[in-house]
Amino acid sequence: MTIKTRSTKSIILKSAEELILSYGYQGFSYNDISKSINLKKASIHYHFPTKEDLGVAFITKYSRLFSLWCKRVNRQSSMEKMDSFCKMYGELSNECTRICPIGMVAADYHKMPEKIQQRSQELITQVETWLESMIRTGMENNEFKPTLHPQEMSRHFIYAMSGALKMARIFKDKSRITQTQAALVEYVCLKDKA
């Protein structure tokens, strides 16, 4: 019974994830999930009593996924990590049909319940902190320009890549993502390393 419950819960969350990344938090309902996975709304409410519970689970999932991703790239050089980070964002776009979780949060932030706002801030801080550390290490290892401000640059990375996904979706043009990545590399890396 536990395995089935966990499986149903993960199926609901996966459906919600697709809807949230495609239409935003305000752009879907439990009825949309019900139709997409052929499950009664009562079953969805059993696992996620409120949409807020579902939103918190969504953000929590991405926080966990980012932690796992960080472990996978841990042994890479800072340049390789930067490249991996940008590629991860490109993969999130799913052929220019979705925006990233951070972009979705920003778009709907003031309409979201307080718990989701709080978890969203924690996710963004988690990503910023990782980026800041990666940039600082890259500077120490002479991979990145010594004049960078790691905290500011970490925010620029998030803003640039999140914005690139939005523009790629509007224009159905993945080059908006790759061009942004190339500009970040050129800005951050020492000339002989880029």
N, C-alpha and C. Protein backbone atom coordinates (compact mmCIF):
# COMPACT_ATOMS: atom_id res chain seq x y z
N MET A 1 0.83 -1.20 0.00
CA MET A 1 0.00 0.00 0.00
C MET A 1 0.87 1.26 0.00
N THR A 2 1.94 1.26 0.78
CA THR A 2 2.82 2.42 0.84
C THR A 2 3.46 2.71 -0.51
N ILE A 3 3.89 1.64 -1.21
CA ILE A 3 4.53 1.82 -2.51
C ILE A 3 3.55 2.44 -3.49
N LYS A 4 2.31 1.94 -3.51
CA LYS A 4 1.30 2.49 -4.41
C LYS A 4 1.02 3.95 -4.08
N THR A 5 0.88 4.28 -2.79
CA THR A 5 0.62 5.65 -2.38
C THR A 5 1.75 6.57 -2.82
N ARG A 6 2.97 6.16 -2.58
CA ARG A 6 4.12 6.96 -2.97
C ARG A 6 4.17 7.13 -4.49
N SER A 7 3.86 6.09 -5.22
CA SER A 7 3.86 6.15 -6.67
C SER A 7 2.80 7.11 -7.17
N THR A 8 1.59 7.03 -6.61
CA THR A 8 0.51 7.93 -7.02
C THR A 8 0.89 9.37 -6.71
N LYS A 9 1.46 9.58 -5.55
CA LYS A 9 1.88 10.93 -5.15
C LYS A 9 2.92 11.49 -6.12
N SER A 10 3.88 10.66 -6.51
CA SER A 10 4.92 11.13 -7.43
C SER A 10 4.35 11.39 -8.83
N ILE A 11 3.36 10.61 -9.24
CA ILE A 11 2.72 10.84 -10.54
C ILE A 11 1.97 12.17 -10.53
N ILE A 12 1.27 12.44 -9.43
CA ILE A 12 0.56 13.72 -9.30
C ILE A 12 1.55 14.87 -9.35
N LEU A 13 2.65 14.75 -8.60
CA LEU A 13 3.66 15.81 -8.55
C LEU A 13 4.30 16.02 -9.91
N LYS A 14 4.55 14.95 -10.64
CA LYS A 14 5.14 15.06 -11.98
C LYS A 14 4.20 15.80 -12.92
N SER A 15 2.91 15.48 -12.86
CA SER A 15 1.92 16.16 -13.69
C SER A 15 1.87 17.65 -13.33
N ALA A 16 1.85 17.94 -12.04
CA ALA A 16 1.82 19.33 -11.59
C ALA A 16 3.08 20.08 -12.05
N GLU A 17 4.21 19.41 -11.99
CA GLU A 17 5.48 20.00 -12.42
C GLU A 17 5.41 20.45 -13.87
N GLU A 18 4.92 19.57 -14.74
CA GLU A 18 4.78 19.92 -16.17
C GLU A 18 3.86 21.11 -16.36
N LEU A 19 2.76 21.12 -15.64
CA LEU A 19 1.80 22.22 -15.75
C LEU A 19 2.37 23.53 -15.21
N ILE A 20 3.05 23.45 -14.07
CA ILE A 20 3.62 24.65 -13.46
C ILE A 20 4.70 25.25 -14.36
N LEU A 21 5.59 24.42 -14.87
CA LEU A 21 6.69 24.93 -15.71
C LEU A 21 6.20 25.42 -17.07
N SER A 22 5.05 24.94 -17.49
CA SER A 22 4.48 25.37 -18.77
C SER A 22 3.54 26.57 -18.63
N TYR A 23 2.76 26.60 -17.54
CA TYR A 23 1.71 27.62 -17.41
C TYR A 23 1.81 28.47 -16.15
N GLY A 24 2.74 28.15 -15.26
CA GLY A 24 2.88 28.90 -14.02
C GLY A 24 1.98 28.34 -12.92
N TYR A 25 2.24 28.78 -11.71
CA TYR A 25 1.49 28.29 -10.56
C TYR A 25 0.01 28.65 -10.65
N GLN A 26 -0.29 29.84 -11.14
CA GLN A 26 -1.68 30.28 -11.25
C GLN A 26 -2.37 29.71 -12.49
N GLY A 27 -1.61 29.11 -13.39
CA GLY A 27 -2.16 28.69 -14.68
C GLY A 27 -2.69 27.27 -14.76
N PHE A 28 -2.87 26.60 -13.63
CA PHE A 28 -3.40 25.24 -13.67
C PHE A 28 -4.28 25.00 -12.44
N SER A 29 -5.07 23.97 -12.52
CA SER A 29 -5.95 23.60 -11.41
C SER A 29 -5.84 22.11 -11.16
N TYR A 30 -6.45 21.65 -10.08
CA TYR A 30 -6.49 20.22 -9.80
C TYR A 30 -7.27 19.49 -10.89
N ASN A 31 -8.20 20.17 -11.51
CA ASN A 31 -8.96 19.58 -12.62
C ASN A 31 -8.02 19.28 -13.79
N ASP A 32 -7.06 20.16 -14.05
CA ASP A 32 -6.08 19.93 -15.13
C ASP A 32 -5.23 18.69 -14.83
N ILE A 33 -4.81 18.55 -13.57
CA ILE A 33 -4.03 17.38 -13.18
C ILE A 33 -4.89 16.13 -13.33
N SER A 34 -6.12 16.21 -12.87
CA SER A 34 -7.05 15.08 -12.94
C SER A 34 -7.18 14.58 -14.38
N LYS A 35 -7.34 15.51 -15.31
CA LYS A 35 -7.47 15.14 -16.73
C LYS A 35 -6.17 14.57 -17.29
N SER A 36 -5.05 15.14 -16.90
CA SER A 36 -3.77 14.71 -17.49
C SER A 36 -3.35 13.32 -17.06
N ILE A 37 -3.75 12.89 -15.85
CA ILE A 37 -3.33 11.56 -15.38
C ILE A 37 -4.50 10.63 -15.11
N ASN A 38 -5.71 11.09 -15.51
CA ASN A 38 -6.91 10.27 -15.36
C ASN A 38 -7.09 9.77 -13.92
N LEU A 39 -7.13 10.74 -13.02
CA LEU A 39 -7.27 10.43 -11.59
C LEU A 39 -8.31 11.39 -11.01
N LYS A 40 -9.15 10.89 -10.14
CA LYS A 40 -10.18 11.73 -9.53
C LYS A 40 -9.54 12.82 -8.68
N LYS A 41 -10.20 14.00 -8.67
CA LYS A 41 -9.68 15.11 -7.88
C LYS A 41 -9.59 14.76 -6.39
N ALA A 42 -10.49 13.93 -5.92
CA ALA A 42 -10.46 13.53 -4.51
C ALA A 42 -9.16 12.80 -4.18
N SER A 43 -8.65 12.03 -5.13
CA SER A 43 -7.38 11.33 -4.92
C SER A 43 -6.21 12.31 -4.87
N ILE A 44 -6.28 13.34 -5.68
CA ILE A 44 -5.23 14.37 -5.67
C ILE A 44 -5.25 15.10 -4.33
N HIS A 45 -6.46 15.45 -3.87
CA HIS A 45 -6.59 16.13 -2.58
C HIS A 45 -6.15 15.25 -1.41
N TYR A 46 -6.26 13.95 -1.57
CA TYR A 46 -5.79 13.03 -0.53
C TYR A 46 -4.29 13.19 -0.31
N HIS A 47 -3.55 13.29 -1.40
CA HIS A 47 -2.09 13.41 -1.32
C HIS A 47 -1.63 14.86 -1.09
N PHE A 48 -2.34 15.79 -1.70
CA PHE A 48 -2.01 17.21 -1.58
C PHE A 48 -3.31 17.95 -1.26
N PRO A 49 -3.65 18.07 0.03
CA PRO A 49 -4.94 18.66 0.41
C PRO A 49 -5.22 20.02 -0.23
N THR A 50 -4.16 20.84 -0.39
CA THR A 50 -4.35 22.16 -0.98
C THR A 50 -3.33 22.38 -2.10
N LYS A 51 -3.62 23.35 -2.93
CA LYS A 51 -2.68 23.70 -4.00
C LYS A 51 -1.37 24.22 -3.40
N GLU A 52 -1.48 24.87 -2.25
CA GLU A 52 -0.28 25.33 -1.54
C GLU A 52 0.62 24.15 -1.18
N ASP A 53 0.03 23.04 -0.71
CA ASP A 53 0.81 21.85 -0.38
C ASP A 53 1.54 21.33 -1.62
N LEU A 54 0.84 21.37 -2.74
CA LEU A 54 1.44 20.92 -4.00
C LEU A 54 2.57 21.85 -4.44
N GLY A 55 2.35 23.16 -4.28
CA GLY A 55 3.39 24.13 -4.63
C GLY A 55 4.64 23.97 -3.78
N VAL A 56 4.45 23.74 -2.49
CA VAL A 56 5.59 23.53 -1.59
C VAL A 56 6.34 22.26 -1.99
N ALA A 57 5.59 21.20 -2.32
CA ALA A 57 6.22 19.94 -2.75
C ALA A 57 7.02 20.13 -4.03
N PHE A 58 6.50 20.94 -4.95
CA PHE A 58 7.19 21.23 -6.21
C PHE A 58 8.53 21.92 -5.95
N ILE A 59 8.51 22.98 -5.14
CA ILE A 59 9.75 23.72 -4.85
C ILE A 59 10.73 22.83 -4.09
N THR A 60 10.21 22.05 -3.14
CA THR A 60 11.06 21.14 -2.36
C THR A 60 11.72 20.12 -3.27
N LYS A 61 10.99 19.62 -4.25
CA LYS A 61 11.55 18.66 -5.21
C LYS A 61 12.72 19.29 -5.96
N TYR A 62 12.56 20.53 -6.42
CA TYR A 62 13.64 21.17 -7.17
C TYR A 62 14.84 21.49 -6.29
N SER A 63 14.60 21.79 -5.04
CA SER A 63 15.70 22.00 -4.11
C SER A 63 16.49 20.70 -3.95
N ARG A 64 15.79 19.59 -3.80
CA ARG A 64 16.44 18.28 -3.66
C ARG A 64 17.18 17.91 -4.95
N LEU A 65 16.55 18.14 -6.10
CA LEU A 65 17.20 17.82 -7.38
C LEU A 65 18.46 18.66 -7.58
N PHE A 66 18.41 19.92 -7.17
CA PHE A 66 19.59 20.77 -7.32
C PHE A 66 20.71 20.26 -6.42
N SER A 67 20.39 19.84 -5.21
CA SER A 67 21.40 19.28 -4.31
C SER A 67 22.06 18.05 -4.91
N LEU A 68 21.25 17.17 -5.50
CA LEU A 68 21.79 15.97 -6.15
C LEU A 68 22.66 16.34 -7.34
N TRP A 69 22.22 17.32 -8.12
CA TRP A 69 22.99 17.77 -9.28
C TRP A 69 24.35 18.32 -8.82
N CYS A 70 24.35 19.10 -7.73
CA CYS A 70 25.60 19.66 -7.20
C CYS A 70 26.59 18.56 -6.84
N LYS A 71 26.10 17.48 -6.27
CA LYS A 71 26.97 16.36 -5.92
C LYS A 71 27.56 15.72 -7.18
N ARG A 72 26.76 15.63 -8.24
CA ARG A 72 27.23 15.01 -9.49
C ARG A 72 28.36 15.82 -10.13
N VAL A 73 28.30 17.14 -10.04
CA VAL A 73 29.31 17.97 -10.70
C VAL A 73 30.43 18.40 -9.75
N ASN A 74 30.41 17.90 -8.54
CA ASN A 74 31.32 18.34 -7.49
C ASN A 74 32.79 18.28 -7.89
N ARG A 75 33.20 17.27 -8.63
CA ARG A 75 34.62 17.10 -8.97
C ARG A 75 35.04 17.86 -10.23
N GLN A 76 34.11 18.51 -10.87
CA GLN A 76 34.44 19.26 -12.09
C GLN A 76 35.18 20.55 -11.75
N SER A 77 35.90 21.08 -12.73
CA SER A 77 36.53 22.39 -12.56
C SER A 77 35.42 23.44 -12.53
N SER A 78 35.75 24.65 -12.13
CA SER A 78 34.74 25.71 -12.09
C SER A 78 34.19 26.01 -13.48
N MET A 79 35.06 25.99 -14.49
CA MET A 79 34.58 26.21 -15.86
C MET A 79 33.61 25.12 -16.29
N GLU A 80 33.93 23.88 -15.95
CA GLU A 80 33.04 22.76 -16.29
C GLU A 80 31.72 22.87 -15.53
N LYS A 81 31.79 23.30 -14.28
CA LYS A 81 30.56 23.49 -13.49
C LYS A 81 29.69 24.58 -14.10
N MET A 82 30.33 25.67 -14.53
CA MET A 82 29.58 26.75 -15.15
C MET A 82 28.88 26.26 -16.41
N ASP A 83 29.61 25.50 -17.20
CA ASP A 83 29.05 24.94 -18.43
C ASP A 83 27.89 23.99 -18.10
N SER A 84 28.08 23.15 -17.10
CA SER A 84 27.04 22.21 -16.68
C SER A 84 25.80 22.93 -16.17
N PHE A 85 26.02 24.02 -15.44
CA PHE A 85 24.90 24.80 -14.93
C PHE A 85 24.07 25.38 -16.08
N CYS A 86 24.76 25.96 -17.04
CA CYS A 86 24.05 26.54 -18.19
C CYS A 86 23.33 25.45 -19.00
N LYS A 87 23.97 24.31 -19.17
CA LYS A 87 23.33 23.20 -19.90
C LYS A 87 22.11 22.68 -19.15
N MET A 88 22.19 22.64 -17.83
CA MET A 88 21.05 22.21 -17.03
C MET A 88 19.86 23.13 -17.31
N TYR A 89 20.10 24.42 -17.38
CA TYR A 89 19.03 25.36 -17.69
C TYR A 89 18.47 25.10 -19.09
N GLY A 90 19.36 24.83 -20.03
CA GLY A 90 18.90 24.53 -21.39
C GLY A 90 18.00 23.30 -21.43
N GLU A 91 18.36 22.29 -20.64
CA GLU A 91 17.54 21.07 -20.58
C GLU A 91 16.19 21.34 -19.93
N LEU A 92 16.16 22.25 -18.97
CA LEU A 92 14.90 22.61 -18.32
C LEU A 92 13.89 23.18 -19.31
N SER A 93 14.39 23.83 -20.35
CA SER A 93 13.49 24.48 -21.30
C SER A 93 12.64 23.49 -22.09
N ASN A 94 13.11 22.22 -22.17
CA ASN A 94 12.35 21.18 -22.87
C ASN A 94 11.93 21.66 -24.27
N GLU A 95 12.92 21.96 -25.07
CA GLU A 95 12.68 22.44 -26.44
C GLU A 95 11.83 23.71 -26.46
N CYS A 96 12.17 24.63 -25.58
CA CYS A 96 11.57 25.97 -25.54
C CYS A 96 10.08 25.96 -25.18
N THR A 97 9.66 25.00 -24.37
CA THR A 97 8.25 24.96 -23.98
C THR A 97 8.04 25.32 -22.51
N ARG A 98 9.13 25.36 -21.73
CA ARG A 98 8.97 25.61 -20.30
C ARG A 98 9.91 26.70 -19.82
N ILE A 99 9.59 27.22 -18.64
CA ILE A 99 10.51 28.14 -17.97
C ILE A 99 11.08 27.42 -16.76
N CYS A 100 12.10 27.98 -16.15
CA CYS A 100 12.72 27.33 -15.00
C CYS A 100 11.89 27.57 -13.74
N PRO A 101 12.08 26.75 -12.73
CA PRO A 101 11.33 26.94 -11.48
C PRO A 101 11.51 28.34 -10.89
N ILE A 102 12.71 28.88 -10.97
CA ILE A 102 12.96 30.21 -10.42
C ILE A 102 12.21 31.27 -11.22
N GLY A 103 12.19 31.12 -12.54
CA GLY A 103 11.44 32.05 -13.38
C GLY A 103 9.95 31.98 -13.10
N MET A 104 9.45 30.77 -12.88
CA MET A 104 8.04 30.58 -12.57
C MET A 104 7.71 31.25 -11.24
N VAL A 105 8.58 31.08 -10.26
CA VAL A 105 8.36 31.67 -8.95
C VAL A 105 8.30 33.19 -9.06
N ALA A 106 9.22 33.76 -9.81
CA ALA A 106 9.26 35.22 -9.95
C ALA A 106 7.99 35.75 -10.61
N ALA A 107 7.48 35.03 -11.60
CA ALA A 107 6.30 35.49 -12.33
C ALA A 107 5.06 35.52 -11.45
N ASP A 108 4.90 34.54 -10.58
CA ASP A 108 3.68 34.41 -9.77
C ASP A 108 3.90 34.74 -8.29
N TYR A 109 5.04 35.27 -7.94
CA TYR A 109 5.44 35.38 -6.54
C TYR A 109 4.39 36.03 -5.63
N HIS A 110 3.89 37.19 -6.02
CA HIS A 110 2.97 37.92 -5.14
C HIS A 110 1.58 37.30 -5.05
N LYS A 111 1.30 36.34 -5.90
CA LYS A 111 0.01 35.65 -5.86
C LYS A 111 0.11 34.32 -5.11
N MET A 112 1.30 33.98 -4.70
CA MET A 112 1.53 32.68 -4.05
C MET A 112 1.35 32.77 -2.54
N PRO A 113 0.95 31.65 -1.93
CA PRO A 113 0.86 31.61 -0.47
C PRO A 113 2.24 31.81 0.16
N GLU A 114 2.25 32.27 1.39
CA GLU A 114 3.49 32.60 2.09
C GLU A 114 4.46 31.43 2.19
N LYS A 115 3.97 30.22 2.42
CA LYS A 115 4.86 29.05 2.52
C LYS A 115 5.62 28.82 1.22
N ILE A 116 4.95 29.02 0.10
CA ILE A 116 5.62 28.83 -1.19
C ILE A 116 6.62 29.96 -1.41
N GLN A 117 6.27 31.17 -1.03
CA GLN A 117 7.21 32.28 -1.14
C GLN A 117 8.48 32.00 -0.34
N GLN A 118 8.29 31.51 0.87
CA GLN A 118 9.44 31.21 1.73
C GLN A 118 10.31 30.11 1.14
N ARG A 119 9.71 29.02 0.70
CA ARG A 119 10.47 27.91 0.10
C ARG A 119 11.16 28.38 -1.18
N SER A 120 10.52 29.26 -1.92
CA SER A 120 11.11 29.79 -3.16
C SER A 120 12.35 30.60 -2.86
N GLN A 121 12.27 31.44 -1.83
CA GLN A 121 13.44 32.23 -1.44
C GLN A 121 14.59 31.31 -1.03
N GLU A 122 14.25 30.24 -0.32
CA GLU A 122 15.27 29.27 0.10
C GLU A 122 15.92 28.59 -1.11
N LEU A 123 15.12 28.24 -2.13
CA LEU A 123 15.66 27.62 -3.34
C LEU A 123 16.59 28.59 -4.06
N ILE A 124 16.15 29.82 -4.22
CA ILE A 124 16.97 30.81 -4.92
C ILE A 124 18.27 31.05 -4.15
N THR A 125 18.20 31.15 -2.83
CA THR A 125 19.41 31.32 -2.01
C THR A 125 20.33 30.12 -2.16
N GLN A 126 19.76 28.93 -2.22
CA GLN A 126 20.55 27.70 -2.41
C GLN A 126 21.34 27.77 -3.71
N VAL A 127 20.68 28.17 -4.79
CA VAL A 127 21.35 28.26 -6.10
C VAL A 127 22.38 29.38 -6.09
N GLU A 128 22.02 30.54 -5.56
CA GLU A 128 22.96 31.66 -5.49
C GLU A 128 24.22 31.30 -4.70
N THR A 129 24.03 30.63 -3.57
CA THR A 129 25.16 30.25 -2.72
C THR A 129 26.11 29.31 -3.45
N TRP A 130 25.53 28.33 -4.17
CA TRP A 130 26.36 27.41 -4.93
C TRP A 130 27.13 28.15 -6.02
N LEU A 131 26.43 29.01 -6.76
CA LEU A 131 27.08 29.76 -7.84
C LEU A 131 28.18 30.66 -7.29
N GLU A 132 27.91 31.32 -6.18
CA GLU A 132 28.91 32.21 -5.58
C GLU A 132 30.18 31.43 -5.21
N SER A 133 30.00 30.27 -4.63
CA SER A 133 31.15 29.42 -4.26
C SER A 133 31.91 28.96 -5.50
N MET A 134 31.16 28.57 -6.53
CA MET A 134 31.78 28.11 -7.78
C MET A 134 32.59 29.23 -8.42
N ILE A 135 32.05 30.44 -8.43
CA ILE A 135 32.74 31.58 -9.03
C ILE A 135 33.98 31.94 -8.21
N ARG A 136 33.85 31.94 -6.89
CA ARG A 136 34.99 32.25 -6.03
C ARG A 136 36.13 31.24 -6.25
N THR A 137 35.78 29.97 -6.33
CA THR A 137 36.79 28.93 -6.58
C THR A 137 37.43 29.12 -7.94
N GLY A 138 36.62 29.45 -8.94
CA GLY A 138 37.16 29.70 -10.28
C GLY A 138 38.13 30.86 -10.31
N MET A 139 37.85 31.88 -9.51
CA MET A 139 38.77 33.02 -9.42
C MET A 139 40.07 32.60 -8.73
N GLU A 140 39.96 31.83 -7.66
CA GLU A 140 41.14 31.37 -6.93
C GLU A 140 42.02 30.47 -7.79
N ASN A 141 41.39 29.70 -8.69
CA ASN A 141 42.12 28.77 -9.55
C ASN A 141 42.51 29.38 -10.89
N ASN A 142 42.38 30.70 -11.01
CA ASN A 142 42.73 31.43 -12.23
C ASN A 142 41.97 30.93 -13.46
N GLU A 143 40.76 30.46 -13.27
CA GLU A 143 39.89 30.11 -14.39
C GLU A 143 39.03 31.32 -14.78
N PHE A 144 38.67 32.13 -13.78
CA PHE A 144 37.80 33.28 -13.98
C PHE A 144 38.56 34.57 -13.70
N LYS A 145 38.04 35.65 -14.24
CA LYS A 145 38.66 36.96 -14.03
C LYS A 145 38.74 37.29 -12.54
N PRO A 146 39.86 37.87 -12.10
CA PRO A 146 40.03 38.16 -10.67
C PRO A 146 39.22 39.35 -10.19
N THR A 147 38.62 40.09 -11.09
CA THR A 147 37.90 41.31 -10.73
C THR A 147 36.40 41.08 -10.50
N LEU A 148 35.95 39.85 -10.61
CA LEU A 148 34.52 39.56 -10.45
C LEU A 148 34.09 39.73 -8.99
N HIS A 149 32.85 40.05 -8.79
CA HIS A 149 32.26 40.07 -7.45
C HIS A 149 31.37 38.82 -7.39
N PRO A 150 31.79 37.76 -6.68
CA PRO A 150 31.09 36.48 -6.74
C PRO A 150 29.59 36.53 -6.42
N GLN A 151 29.21 37.29 -5.40
CA GLN A 151 27.79 37.33 -5.05
C GLN A 151 26.96 37.99 -6.16
N GLU A 152 27.45 39.12 -6.66
CA GLU A 152 26.73 39.80 -7.75
C GLU A 152 26.69 38.92 -9.00
N MET A 153 27.81 38.30 -9.30
CA MET A 153 27.88 37.47 -10.51
C MET A 153 26.95 36.27 -10.41
N SER A 154 26.81 35.69 -9.21
CA SER A 154 25.91 34.56 -9.05
C SER A 154 24.48 34.97 -9.38
N ARG A 155 24.12 36.17 -8.99
CA ARG A 155 22.77 36.68 -9.29
C ARG A 155 22.61 36.95 -10.78
N HIS A 156 23.66 37.48 -11.40
CA HIS A 156 23.60 37.73 -12.85
C HIS A 156 23.38 36.42 -13.61
N PHE A 157 24.06 35.36 -13.16
CA PHE A 157 23.89 34.05 -13.80
C PHE A 157 22.43 33.62 -13.77
N ILE A 158 21.82 33.70 -12.59
CA ILE A 158 20.42 33.28 -12.45
C ILE A 158 19.51 34.16 -13.30
N TYR A 159 19.70 35.47 -13.23
CA TYR A 159 18.84 36.38 -13.99
C TYR A 159 18.99 36.13 -15.49
N ALA A 160 20.22 35.97 -15.92
CA ALA A 160 20.47 35.79 -17.35
C ALA A 160 19.89 34.47 -17.86
N MET A 161 20.16 33.38 -17.18
CA MET A 161 19.68 32.08 -17.66
C MET A 161 18.16 31.95 -17.53
N SER A 162 17.60 32.48 -16.46
CA SER A 162 16.15 32.44 -16.30
C SER A 162 15.47 33.27 -17.39
N GLY A 163 16.01 34.44 -17.64
CA GLY A 163 15.47 35.29 -18.71
C GLY A 163 15.63 34.66 -20.08
N ALA A 164 16.75 33.98 -20.30
CA ALA A 164 16.98 33.33 -21.59
C ALA A 164 15.93 32.26 -21.86
N LEU A 165 15.55 31.50 -20.82
CA LEU A 165 14.52 30.48 -20.99
C LEU A 165 13.18 31.11 -21.36
N LYS A 166 12.87 32.23 -20.74
CA LYS A 166 11.61 32.91 -21.06
C LYS A 166 11.61 33.39 -22.51
N MET A 167 12.71 34.00 -22.93
CA MET A 167 12.78 34.50 -24.31
C MET A 167 12.79 33.36 -25.32
N ALA A 168 13.48 32.28 -24.99
CA ALA A 168 13.51 31.11 -25.88
C ALA A 168 12.10 30.56 -26.07
N ARG A 169 11.31 30.57 -25.01
CA ARG A 169 9.94 30.07 -25.11
C ARG A 169 9.08 31.00 -25.97
N ILE A 170 9.23 32.29 -25.77
CA ILE A 170 8.44 33.25 -26.55
C ILE A 170 8.74 33.12 -28.04
N PHE A 171 10.03 33.03 -28.38
CA PHE A 171 10.43 33.00 -29.79
C PHE A 171 10.65 31.59 -30.34
N LYS A 172 10.46 30.56 -29.49
CA LYS A 172 10.71 29.18 -29.91
C LYS A 172 12.11 29.07 -30.53
N ASP A 173 13.09 29.62 -29.80
CA ASP A 173 14.44 29.75 -30.33
C ASP A 173 15.45 29.40 -29.24
N LYS A 174 15.98 28.17 -29.29
CA LYS A 174 16.93 27.71 -28.27
C LYS A 174 18.25 28.47 -28.32
N SER A 175 18.54 29.12 -29.43
CA SER A 175 19.80 29.88 -29.51
C SER A 175 19.82 31.02 -28.50
N ARG A 176 18.65 31.45 -28.05
CA ARG A 176 18.60 32.50 -27.02
C ARG A 176 19.27 32.00 -25.73
N ILE A 177 19.18 30.71 -25.50
CA ILE A 177 19.81 30.11 -24.32
C ILE A 177 21.31 29.95 -24.55
N THR A 178 21.69 29.39 -25.70
CA THR A 178 23.12 29.16 -25.97
C THR A 178 23.89 30.48 -26.13
N GLN A 179 23.25 31.49 -26.68
CA GLN A 179 23.91 32.80 -26.81
C GLN A 179 24.14 33.44 -25.44
N THR A 180 23.18 33.27 -24.56
CA THR A 180 23.33 33.80 -23.19
C THR A 180 24.46 33.08 -22.48
N GLN A 181 24.50 31.76 -22.65
CA GLN A 181 25.58 30.98 -22.05
C GLN A 181 26.94 31.46 -22.57
N ALA A 182 27.06 31.66 -23.87
CA ALA A 182 28.33 32.10 -24.46
C ALA A 182 28.73 33.48 -23.92
N ALA A 183 27.76 34.36 -23.75
CA ALA A 183 28.05 35.70 -23.23
C ALA A 183 28.54 35.62 -21.78
N LEU A 184 27.94 34.75 -20.99
CA LEU A 184 28.38 34.58 -19.60
C LEU A 184 29.81 34.05 -19.54
N VAL A 185 30.10 33.07 -20.37
CA VAL A 185 31.45 32.49 -20.42
C VAL A 185 32.46 33.58 -20.78
N GLU A 186 32.14 34.37 -21.80
CA GLU A 186 33.06 35.42 -22.24
C GLU A 186 33.26 36.46 -21.14
N TYR A 187 32.21 36.78 -20.43
CA TYR A 187 32.30 37.79 -19.39
C TYR A 187 33.10 37.32 -18.18
N VAL A 188 32.94 36.04 -17.83
CA VAL A 188 33.51 35.50 -16.59
C VAL A 188 34.93 34.97 -16.76
N CYS A 189 35.19 34.29 -17.86
CA CYS A 189 36.46 33.57 -18.02
C CYS A 189 37.60 34.45 -18.46
N LEU A 190 38.79 34.06 -18.04
CA LEU A 190 39.99 34.72 -18.55
C LEU A 190 40.10 34.40 -20.03
N LYS A 191 40.63 35.28 -20.81
CA LYS A 191 40.65 35.12 -22.29
C LYS A 191 41.26 33.80 -22.73
N ASP A 192 42.37 33.40 -22.10
CA ASP A 192 43.03 32.17 -22.53
C ASP A 192 42.29 30.91 -22.06
N LYS A 193 41.29 31.08 -21.18
CA LYS A 193 40.54 29.92 -20.68
C LYS A 193 39.22 29.74 -21.41
N ALA A 194 38.70 30.84 -21.98
CA ALA A 194 37.36 30.80 -22.62
C ALA A 194 37.37 29.97 -23.89
